PDB file of all heavy atoms in Angstrom:
ATOM      1  N   PRO A   1       0.816  -1.214   0.000  1.00  0.00           N
ATOM      2  CA  PRO A   1       0.000   0.000   0.000  1.00  0.00           C
ATOM      3  C   PRO A   1       0.849   1.262   0.000  1.00  0.00           C
ATOM      4  O   PRO A   1       1.786   1.394   0.794  1.00  0.00           O
ATOM      5  CB  PRO A   1      -0.813  -0.120   1.285  1.00  0.00           C
ATOM      6  CG  PRO A   1      -0.909  -1.587   1.528  1.00  0.00           C
ATOM      7  CD  PRO A   1       0.416  -2.139   1.073  1.00  0.00           C
ATOM      8  N   GLY A   2       0.521   2.179  -0.893  1.00  0.00           N
ATOM      9  CA  GLY A   2       1.231   3.437  -0.975  1.00  0.00           C
ATOM     10  C   GLY A   2       2.576   3.379  -1.654  1.00  0.00           C
ATOM     11  O   GLY A   2       3.282   4.396  -1.690  1.00  0.00           O
ATOM     12  N   LYS A   3       2.938   2.228  -2.185  1.00  0.00           N
ATOM     13  CA  LYS A   3       4.226   2.077  -2.833  1.00  0.00           C
ATOM     14  C   LYS A   3       4.052   1.637  -4.276  1.00  0.00           C
ATOM     15  O   LYS A   3       3.012   1.103  -4.663  1.00  0.00           O
ATOM     16  CB  LYS A   3       5.096   1.066  -2.084  1.00  0.00           C
ATOM     17  CG  LYS A   3       5.447   1.473  -0.663  1.00  0.00           C
ATOM     18  CD  LYS A   3       6.377   0.466  -0.020  1.00  0.00           C
ATOM     19  CE  LYS A   3       6.757   0.888   1.379  1.00  0.00           C
ATOM     20  NZ  LYS A   3       7.662  -0.111   2.022  1.00  0.00           N
ATOM     21  N   GLU A   4       5.082   1.859  -5.069  1.00  0.00           N
ATOM     22  CA  GLU A   4       5.068   1.421  -6.454  1.00  0.00           C
ATOM     23  C   GLU A   4       5.377  -0.061  -6.550  1.00  0.00           C
ATOM     24  O   GLU A   4       6.009  -0.647  -5.668  1.00  0.00           O
ATOM     25  CB  GLU A   4       6.079   2.217  -7.276  1.00  0.00           C
ATOM     26  CG  GLU A   4       5.755   3.698  -7.395  1.00  0.00           C
ATOM     27  CD  GLU A   4       6.712   4.431  -8.301  1.00  0.00           C
ATOM     28  OE1 GLU A   4       7.702   3.821  -8.742  1.00  0.00           O
ATOM     29  OE2 GLU A   4       6.469   5.615  -8.583  1.00  0.00           O
ATOM     30  N   ARG A   5       4.906  -0.649  -7.637  1.00  0.00           N
ATOM     31  CA  ARG A   5       5.204  -2.047  -7.888  1.00  0.00           C
ATOM     32  C   ARG A   5       6.702  -2.224  -8.109  1.00  0.00           C
ATOM     33  O   ARG A   5       7.330  -1.458  -8.846  1.00  0.00           O
ATOM     34  CB  ARG A   5       4.415  -2.527  -9.102  1.00  0.00           C
ATOM     35  CG  ARG A   5       4.429  -4.023  -9.306  1.00  0.00           C
ATOM     36  CD  ARG A   5       3.475  -4.422 -10.431  1.00  0.00           C
ATOM     37  NE  ARG A   5       2.094  -4.044 -10.111  1.00  0.00           N
ATOM     38  CZ  ARG A   5       1.054  -4.339 -10.878  1.00  0.00           C
ATOM     39  NH1 ARG A   5       1.225  -5.033 -12.000  1.00  0.00           N
ATOM     40  NH2 ARG A   5      -0.157  -3.951 -10.532  1.00  0.00           N
ATOM     41  N   GLU A   6       7.283  -3.235  -7.469  1.00  0.00           N
ATOM     42  CA  GLU A   6       8.709  -3.463  -7.565  1.00  0.00           C
ATOM     43  C   GLU A   6       8.996  -4.902  -7.971  1.00  0.00           C
ATOM     44  O   GLU A   6       8.255  -5.827  -7.633  1.00  0.00           O
ATOM     45  CB  GLU A   6       9.408  -3.155  -6.233  1.00  0.00           C
ATOM     46  CG  GLU A   6       8.998  -4.073  -5.092  1.00  0.00           C
ATOM     47  CD  GLU A   6       9.827  -3.878  -3.837  1.00  0.00           C
ATOM     48  OE1 GLU A   6      10.867  -3.195  -3.901  1.00  0.00           O
ATOM     49  OE2 GLU A   6       9.430  -4.406  -2.778  1.00  0.00           O
ATOM     50  N   LEU A   7      10.089  -5.069  -8.671  1.00  0.00           N
ATOM     51  CA  LEU A   7      10.524  -6.393  -9.087  1.00  0.00           C
ATOM     52  C   LEU A   7      11.092  -7.148  -7.902  1.00  0.00           C
ATOM     53  O   LEU A   7      11.948  -6.636  -7.182  1.00  0.00           O
ATOM     54  CB  LEU A   7      11.572  -6.275 -10.187  1.00  0.00           C
ATOM     55  CG  LEU A   7      12.217  -7.577 -10.664  1.00  0.00           C
ATOM     56  CD1 LEU A   7      11.185  -8.477 -11.343  1.00  0.00           C
ATOM     57  CD2 LEU A   7      13.370  -7.278 -11.617  1.00  0.00           C
ATOM     58  N   VAL A   8      10.616  -8.366  -7.698  1.00  0.00           N
ATOM     59  CA  VAL A   8      11.101  -9.235  -6.639  1.00  0.00           C
ATOM     60  C   VAL A   8      12.099 -10.246  -7.178  1.00  0.00           C
ATOM     61  O   VAL A   8      13.164 -10.463  -6.594  1.00  0.00           O
ATOM     62  CB  VAL A   8       9.936  -9.963  -5.947  1.00  0.00           C
ATOM     63  CG1 VAL A   8      10.451 -10.960  -4.909  1.00  0.00           C
ATOM     64  CG2 VAL A   8       8.999  -8.950  -5.297  1.00  0.00           C
ATOM     65  N   ALA A   9      11.747 -10.892  -8.284  1.00  0.00           N
ATOM     66  CA  ALA A   9      12.599 -11.926  -8.860  1.00  0.00           C
ATOM     67  C   ALA A   9      12.286 -12.090 -10.330  1.00  0.00           C
ATOM     68  O   ALA A   9      11.155 -11.893 -10.763  1.00  0.00           O
ATOM     69  CB  ALA A   9      12.414 -13.259  -8.133  1.00  0.00           C
ATOM     70  N   GLY A  10      13.290 -12.462 -11.096  1.00  0.00           N
ATOM     71  CA  GLY A  10      13.126 -12.743 -12.507  1.00  0.00           C
ATOM     72  C   GLY A  10      13.839 -14.024 -12.877  1.00  0.00           C
ATOM     73  O   GLY A  10      14.798 -14.425 -12.217  1.00  0.00           O
ATOM     74  N   ILE A  11      13.362 -14.659 -13.939  1.00  0.00           N
ATOM     75  CA  ILE A  11      13.968 -15.894 -14.404  1.00  0.00           C
ATOM     76  C   ILE A  11      13.936 -15.927 -15.927  1.00  0.00           C
ATOM     77  O   ILE A  11      12.942 -15.557 -16.548  1.00  0.00           O
ATOM     78  CB  ILE A  11      13.272 -17.132 -13.796  1.00  0.00           C
ATOM     79  CG1 ILE A  11      14.011 -18.415 -14.166  1.00  0.00           C
ATOM     80  CG2 ILE A  11      11.801 -17.198 -14.212  1.00  0.00           C
ATOM     81  CD1 ILE A  11      13.567 -19.613 -13.338  1.00  0.00           C
ATOM     82  N   SER A  12      15.035 -16.376 -16.519  1.00  0.00           N
ATOM     83  CA  SER A  12      15.144 -16.472 -17.963  1.00  0.00           C
ATOM     84  C   SER A  12      14.841 -17.886 -18.429  1.00  0.00           C
ATOM     85  O   SER A  12      14.856 -18.846 -17.641  1.00  0.00           O
ATOM     86  CB  SER A  12      16.543 -16.065 -18.412  1.00  0.00           C
ATOM     87  OG  SER A  12      17.500 -17.044 -18.034  1.00  0.00           O
ATOM     88  N   TRP A  13      14.601 -18.023 -19.735  1.00  0.00           N
ATOM     89  CA  TRP A  13      14.482 -19.350 -20.317  1.00  0.00           C
ATOM     90  C   TRP A  13      15.847 -20.021 -20.406  1.00  0.00           C
ATOM     91  O   TRP A  13      15.995 -21.196 -20.101  1.00  0.00           O
ATOM     92  CB  TRP A  13      13.867 -19.255 -21.716  1.00  0.00           C
ATOM     93  CG  TRP A  13      14.062 -20.509 -22.507  1.00  0.00           C
ATOM     94  CD1 TRP A  13      13.350 -21.662 -22.399  1.00  0.00           C
ATOM     95  CD2 TRP A  13      15.058 -20.740 -23.515  1.00  0.00           C
ATOM     96  NE1 TRP A  13      13.828 -22.611 -23.282  1.00  0.00           N
ATOM     97  CE2 TRP A  13      14.869 -22.074 -23.980  1.00  0.00           C
ATOM     98  CE3 TRP A  13      16.072 -19.964 -24.070  1.00  0.00           C
ATOM     99  CZ2 TRP A  13      15.683 -22.625 -24.976  1.00  0.00           C
ATOM    100  CZ3 TRP A  13      16.871 -20.514 -25.066  1.00  0.00           C
ATOM    101  CH2 TRP A  13      16.671 -21.825 -25.511  1.00  0.00           C
ATOM    102  N   SER A  14      16.843 -19.274 -20.837  1.00  0.00           N
ATOM    103  CA  SER A  14      18.173 -19.801 -21.045  1.00  0.00           C
ATOM    104  C   SER A  14      18.906 -19.920 -19.720  1.00  0.00           C
ATOM    105  O   SER A  14      19.005 -18.958 -18.952  1.00  0.00           O
ATOM    106  CB  SER A  14      18.951 -18.893 -21.994  1.00  0.00           C
ATOM    107  OG  SER A  14      20.271 -19.358 -22.174  1.00  0.00           O
ATOM    108  N   GLY A  15      19.415 -21.090 -19.446  1.00  0.00           N
ATOM    109  CA  GLY A  15      20.162 -21.320 -18.212  1.00  0.00           C
ATOM    110  C   GLY A  15      19.452 -22.248 -17.228  1.00  0.00           C
ATOM    111  O   GLY A  15      19.836 -23.422 -17.107  1.00  0.00           O
ATOM    112  N   PRO A  16      18.440 -21.798 -16.544  1.00  0.00           N
ATOM    113  CA  PRO A  16      17.976 -20.419 -16.477  1.00  0.00           C
ATOM    114  C   PRO A  16      18.833 -19.544 -15.572  1.00  0.00           C
ATOM    115  O   PRO A  16      19.484 -20.030 -14.650  1.00  0.00           O
ATOM    116  CB  PRO A  16      16.566 -20.547 -15.910  1.00  0.00           C
ATOM    117  CG  PRO A  16      16.669 -21.713 -14.980  1.00  0.00           C
ATOM    118  CD  PRO A  16      17.621 -22.676 -15.671  1.00  0.00           C
ATOM    119  N   MET A  17      18.817 -18.277 -15.861  1.00  0.00           N
ATOM    120  CA  MET A  17      19.405 -17.293 -14.976  1.00  0.00           C
ATOM    121  C   MET A  17      18.320 -16.700 -14.101  1.00  0.00           C
ATOM    122  O   MET A  17      17.168 -16.590 -14.523  1.00  0.00           O
ATOM    123  CB  MET A  17      20.090 -16.190 -15.784  1.00  0.00           C
ATOM    124  CG  MET A  17      21.243 -16.674 -16.639  1.00  0.00           C
ATOM    125  SD  MET A  17      21.977 -15.362 -17.638  1.00  0.00           S
ATOM    126  CE  MET A  17      20.655 -15.086 -18.813  1.00  0.00           C
ATOM    127  N   THR A  18      18.680 -16.330 -12.902  1.00  0.00           N
ATOM    128  CA  THR A  18      17.734 -15.742 -11.967  1.00  0.00           C
ATOM    129  C   THR A  18      18.320 -14.492 -11.340  1.00  0.00           C
ATOM    130  O   THR A  18      19.542 -14.332 -11.250  1.00  0.00           O
ATOM    131  CB  THR A  18      17.342 -16.721 -10.855  1.00  0.00           C
ATOM    132  OG1 THR A  18      18.517 -17.139 -10.143  1.00  0.00           O
ATOM    133  CG2 THR A  18      16.654 -17.949 -11.436  1.00  0.00           C
ATOM    134  N   SER A  19      17.444 -13.615 -10.907  1.00  0.00           N
ATOM    135  CA  SER A  19      17.852 -12.421 -10.190  1.00  0.00           C
ATOM    136  C   SER A  19      16.830 -12.123  -9.103  1.00  0.00           C
ATOM    137  O   SER A  19      15.652 -12.484  -9.223  1.00  0.00           O
ATOM    138  CB  SER A  19      17.991 -11.222 -11.130  1.00  0.00           C
ATOM    139  OG  SER A  19      16.744 -10.883 -11.717  1.00  0.00           O
ATOM    140  N   TYR A  20      17.292 -11.454  -8.045  1.00  0.00           N
ATOM    141  CA  TYR A  20      16.447 -11.165  -6.897  1.00  0.00           C
ATOM    142  C   TYR A  20      16.727  -9.768  -6.387  1.00  0.00           C
ATOM    143  O   TYR A  20      17.851  -9.262  -6.485  1.00  0.00           O
ATOM    144  CB  TYR A  20      16.705 -12.156  -5.761  1.00  0.00           C
ATOM    145  CG  TYR A  20      16.449 -13.588  -6.127  1.00  0.00           C
ATOM    146  CD1 TYR A  20      17.466 -14.387  -6.632  1.00  0.00           C
ATOM    147  CD2 TYR A  20      15.184 -14.146  -5.977  1.00  0.00           C
ATOM    148  CE1 TYR A  20      17.234 -15.705  -6.977  1.00  0.00           C
ATOM    149  CE2 TYR A  20      14.947 -15.463  -6.319  1.00  0.00           C
ATOM    150  CZ  TYR A  20      15.981 -16.238  -6.822  1.00  0.00           C
ATOM    151  OH  TYR A  20      15.738 -17.545  -7.163  1.00  0.00           O
ATOM    152  N   SER A  21      15.712  -9.164  -5.824  1.00  0.00           N
ATOM    153  CA  SER A  21      15.933  -7.917  -5.125  1.00  0.00           C
ATOM    154  C   SER A  21      16.729  -8.190  -3.854  1.00  0.00           C
ATOM    155  O   SER A  21      16.669  -9.285  -3.285  1.00  0.00           O
ATOM    156  CB  SER A  21      14.609  -7.238  -4.790  1.00  0.00           C
ATOM    157  OG  SER A  21      13.873  -7.993  -3.845  1.00  0.00           O
ATOM    158  N   ASP A  22      17.463  -7.203  -3.412  1.00  0.00           N
ATOM    159  CA  ASP A  22      18.302  -7.391  -2.230  1.00  0.00           C
ATOM    160  C   ASP A  22      17.481  -7.755  -0.999  1.00  0.00           C
ATOM    161  O   ASP A  22      17.949  -8.491  -0.128  1.00  0.00           O
ATOM    162  CB  ASP A  22      19.112  -6.124  -1.956  1.00  0.00           C
ATOM    163  CG  ASP A  22      20.207  -5.897  -2.976  1.00  0.00           C
ATOM    164  OD1 ASP A  22      20.603  -6.867  -3.659  1.00  0.00           O
ATOM    165  OD2 ASP A  22      20.683  -4.755  -3.086  1.00  0.00           O
ATOM    166  N   SER A  23      16.267  -7.270  -0.919  1.00  0.00           N
ATOM    167  CA  SER A  23      15.456  -7.485   0.263  1.00  0.00           C
ATOM    168  C   SER A  23      14.995  -8.931   0.420  1.00  0.00           C
ATOM    169  O   SER A  23      14.640  -9.345   1.530  1.00  0.00           O
ATOM    170  CB  SER A  23      14.246  -6.554   0.263  1.00  0.00           C
ATOM    171  OG  SER A  23      13.404  -6.809  -0.845  1.00  0.00           O
ATOM    172  N   VAL A  24      14.980  -9.708  -0.657  1.00  0.00           N
ATOM    173  CA  VAL A  24      14.505 -11.085  -0.586  1.00  0.00           C
ATOM    174  C   VAL A  24      15.593 -12.099  -0.881  1.00  0.00           C
ATOM    175  O   VAL A  24      15.360 -13.310  -0.731  1.00  0.00           O
ATOM    176  CB  VAL A  24      13.313 -11.323  -1.530  1.00  0.00           C
ATOM    177  CG1 VAL A  24      12.221 -10.288  -1.295  1.00  0.00           C
ATOM    178  CG2 VAL A  24      13.755 -11.318  -2.991  1.00  0.00           C
ATOM    179  N   LYS A  25      16.747 -11.657  -1.279  1.00  0.00           N
ATOM    180  CA  LYS A  25      17.832 -12.565  -1.647  1.00  0.00           C
ATOM    181  C   LYS A  25      18.186 -13.469  -0.470  1.00  0.00           C
ATOM    182  O   LYS A  25      18.354 -13.006   0.656  1.00  0.00           O
ATOM    183  CB  LYS A  25      19.044 -11.767  -2.106  1.00  0.00           C
ATOM    184  CG  LYS A  25      20.128 -12.593  -2.779  1.00  0.00           C
ATOM    185  CD  LYS A  25      21.210 -11.683  -3.374  1.00  0.00           C
ATOM    186  CE  LYS A  25      20.633 -10.754  -4.428  1.00  0.00           C
ATOM    187  NZ  LYS A  25      21.682  -9.899  -5.056  1.00  0.00           N
ATOM    188  N   GLY A  26      18.289 -14.758  -0.752  1.00  0.00           N
ATOM    189  CA  GLY A  26      18.581 -15.739   0.277  1.00  0.00           C
ATOM    190  C   GLY A  26      17.357 -16.300   0.954  1.00  0.00           C
ATOM    191  O   GLY A  26      17.455 -17.308   1.662  1.00  0.00           O
ATOM    192  N   ARG A  27      16.202 -15.672   0.760  1.00  0.00           N
ATOM    193  CA  ARG A  27      14.958 -16.143   1.366  1.00  0.00           C
ATOM    194  C   ARG A  27      13.955 -16.638   0.327  1.00  0.00           C
ATOM    195  O   ARG A  27      13.187 -17.561   0.599  1.00  0.00           O
ATOM    196  CB  ARG A  27      14.305 -15.034   2.189  1.00  0.00           C
ATOM    197  CG  ARG A  27      15.167 -14.531   3.339  1.00  0.00           C
ATOM    198  CD  ARG A  27      14.402 -13.549   4.229  1.00  0.00           C
ATOM    199  NE  ARG A  27      14.014 -12.337   3.501  1.00  0.00           N
ATOM    200  CZ  ARG A  27      12.756 -11.958   3.287  1.00  0.00           C
ATOM    201  NH1 ARG A  27      11.744 -12.693   3.753  1.00  0.00           N
ATOM    202  NH2 ARG A  27      12.499 -10.836   2.624  1.00  0.00           N
ATOM    203  N   PHE A  28      13.939 -16.018  -0.834  1.00  0.00           N
ATOM    204  CA  PHE A  28      13.009 -16.377  -1.891  1.00  0.00           C
ATOM    205  C   PHE A  28      13.747 -17.115  -3.000  1.00  0.00           C
ATOM    206  O   PHE A  28      14.946 -16.903  -3.216  1.00  0.00           O
ATOM    207  CB  PHE A  28      12.352 -15.137  -2.500  1.00  0.00           C
ATOM    208  CG  PHE A  28      11.388 -14.412  -1.600  1.00  0.00           C
ATOM    209  CD1 PHE A  28      11.274 -14.709  -0.260  1.00  0.00           C
ATOM    210  CD2 PHE A  28      10.584 -13.411  -2.126  1.00  0.00           C
ATOM    211  CE1 PHE A  28      10.387 -14.033   0.564  1.00  0.00           C
ATOM    212  CE2 PHE A  28       9.689 -12.725  -1.320  1.00  0.00           C
ATOM    213  CZ  PHE A  28       9.588 -13.031   0.019  1.00  0.00           C
ATOM    214  N   ALA A  29      13.024 -17.951  -3.724  1.00  0.00           N
ATOM    215  CA  ALA A  29      13.581 -18.654  -4.870  1.00  0.00           C
ATOM    216  C   ALA A  29      12.550 -18.734  -5.983  1.00  0.00           C
ATOM    217  O   ALA A  29      11.428 -19.196  -5.751  1.00  0.00           O
ATOM    218  CB  ALA A  29      14.047 -20.053  -4.478  1.00  0.00           C
ATOM    219  N   ILE A  30      12.928 -18.284  -7.155  1.00  0.00           N
ATOM    220  CA  ILE A  30      12.063 -18.372  -8.317  1.00  0.00           C
ATOM    221  C   ILE A  30      12.461 -19.597  -9.133  1.00  0.00           C
ATOM    222  O   ILE A  30      13.644 -19.919  -9.248  1.00  0.00           O
ATOM    223  CB  ILE A  30      12.131 -17.087  -9.164  1.00  0.00           C
ATOM    224  CG1 ILE A  30      11.099 -17.118 -10.290  1.00  0.00           C
ATOM    225  CG2 ILE A  30      13.537 -16.853  -9.704  1.00  0.00           C
ATOM    226  CD1 ILE A  30      10.971 -15.790 -11.038  1.00  0.00           C
ATOM    227  N   SER A  31      11.482 -20.280  -9.683  1.00  0.00           N
ATOM    228  CA  SER A  31      11.737 -21.453 -10.502  1.00  0.00           C
ATOM    229  C   SER A  31      10.667 -21.548 -11.580  1.00  0.00           C
ATOM    230  O   SER A  31       9.707 -20.767 -11.584  1.00  0.00           O
ATOM    231  CB  SER A  31      11.774 -22.734  -9.660  1.00  0.00           C
ATOM    232  OG  SER A  31      10.533 -22.945  -9.010  1.00  0.00           O
ATOM    233  N   ARG A  32      10.833 -22.510 -12.477  1.00  0.00           N
ATOM    234  CA  ARG A  32       9.879 -22.645 -13.572  1.00  0.00           C
ATOM    235  C   ARG A  32       9.717 -24.101 -13.963  1.00  0.00           C
ATOM    236  O   ARG A  32      10.612 -24.929 -13.754  1.00  0.00           O
ATOM    237  CB  ARG A  32      10.349 -21.827 -14.786  1.00  0.00           C
ATOM    238  CG  ARG A  32      11.668 -22.309 -15.380  1.00  0.00           C
ATOM    239  CD  ARG A  32      12.175 -21.345 -16.450  1.00  0.00           C
ATOM    240  NE  ARG A  32      11.185 -21.111 -17.472  1.00  0.00           N
ATOM    241  CZ  ARG A  32      10.908 -19.916 -17.991  1.00  0.00           C
ATOM    242  NH1 ARG A  32      11.566 -18.841 -17.573  1.00  0.00           N
ATOM    243  NH2 ARG A  32       9.983 -19.800 -18.929  1.00  0.00           N
ATOM    244  N   ASP A  33       8.570 -24.405 -14.523  1.00  0.00           N
ATOM    245  CA  ASP A  33       8.270 -25.715 -15.081  1.00  0.00           C
ATOM    246  C   ASP A  33       7.755 -25.460 -16.485  1.00  0.00           C
ATOM    247  O   ASP A  33       6.596 -25.081 -16.668  1.00  0.00           O
ATOM    248  CB  ASP A  33       7.244 -26.457 -14.235  1.00  0.00           C
ATOM    249  CG  ASP A  33       6.996 -27.875 -14.717  1.00  0.00           C
ATOM    250  OD1 ASP A  33       7.160 -28.154 -15.915  1.00  0.00           O
ATOM    251  OD2 ASP A  33       6.635 -28.724 -13.883  1.00  0.00           O
ATOM    252  N   ASP A  34       8.608 -25.660 -17.465  1.00  0.00           N
ATOM    253  CA  ASP A  34       8.242 -25.310 -18.837  1.00  0.00           C
ATOM    254  C   ASP A  34       7.118 -26.190 -19.375  1.00  0.00           C
ATOM    255  O   ASP A  34       6.309 -25.735 -20.184  1.00  0.00           O
ATOM    256  CB  ASP A  34       9.467 -25.399 -19.742  1.00  0.00           C
ATOM    257  CG  ASP A  34      10.479 -24.305 -19.466  1.00  0.00           C
ATOM    258  OD1 ASP A  34      10.084 -23.248 -18.926  1.00  0.00           O
ATOM    259  OD2 ASP A  34      11.668 -24.495 -19.792  1.00  0.00           O
ATOM    260  N   ALA A  35       7.063 -27.450 -18.946  1.00  0.00           N
ATOM    261  CA  ALA A  35       6.000 -28.334 -19.397  1.00  0.00           C
ATOM    262  C   ALA A  35       4.636 -27.830 -18.953  1.00  0.00           C
ATOM    263  O   ALA A  35       3.640 -27.992 -19.663  1.00  0.00           O
ATOM    264  CB  ALA A  35       6.229 -29.753 -18.893  1.00  0.00           C
ATOM    265  N   LYS A  36       4.572 -27.229 -17.773  1.00  0.00           N
ATOM    266  CA  LYS A  36       3.326 -26.686 -17.244  1.00  0.00           C
ATOM    267  C   LYS A  36       3.143 -25.209 -17.556  1.00  0.00           C
ATOM    268  O   LYS A  36       2.102 -24.639 -17.208  1.00  0.00           O
ATOM    269  CB  LYS A  36       3.260 -26.893 -15.735  1.00  0.00           C
ATOM    270  CG  LYS A  36       3.258 -28.345 -15.300  1.00  0.00           C
ATOM    271  CD  LYS A  36       3.196 -28.451 -13.782  1.00  0.00           C
ATOM    272  CE  LYS A  36       3.170 -29.888 -13.324  1.00  0.00           C
ATOM    273  NZ  LYS A  36       3.129 -29.995 -11.836  1.00  0.00           N
TER     274      LYS A  36
END
């Protein structure tokens, strides 16, 4: 509330490569299931 939308995590198709905001790094993990 009262804040702008911010990126938490991203994931690429290639690799995959991942990135995280500093505030969630080490606590959150992004993953993908391409079949689904």
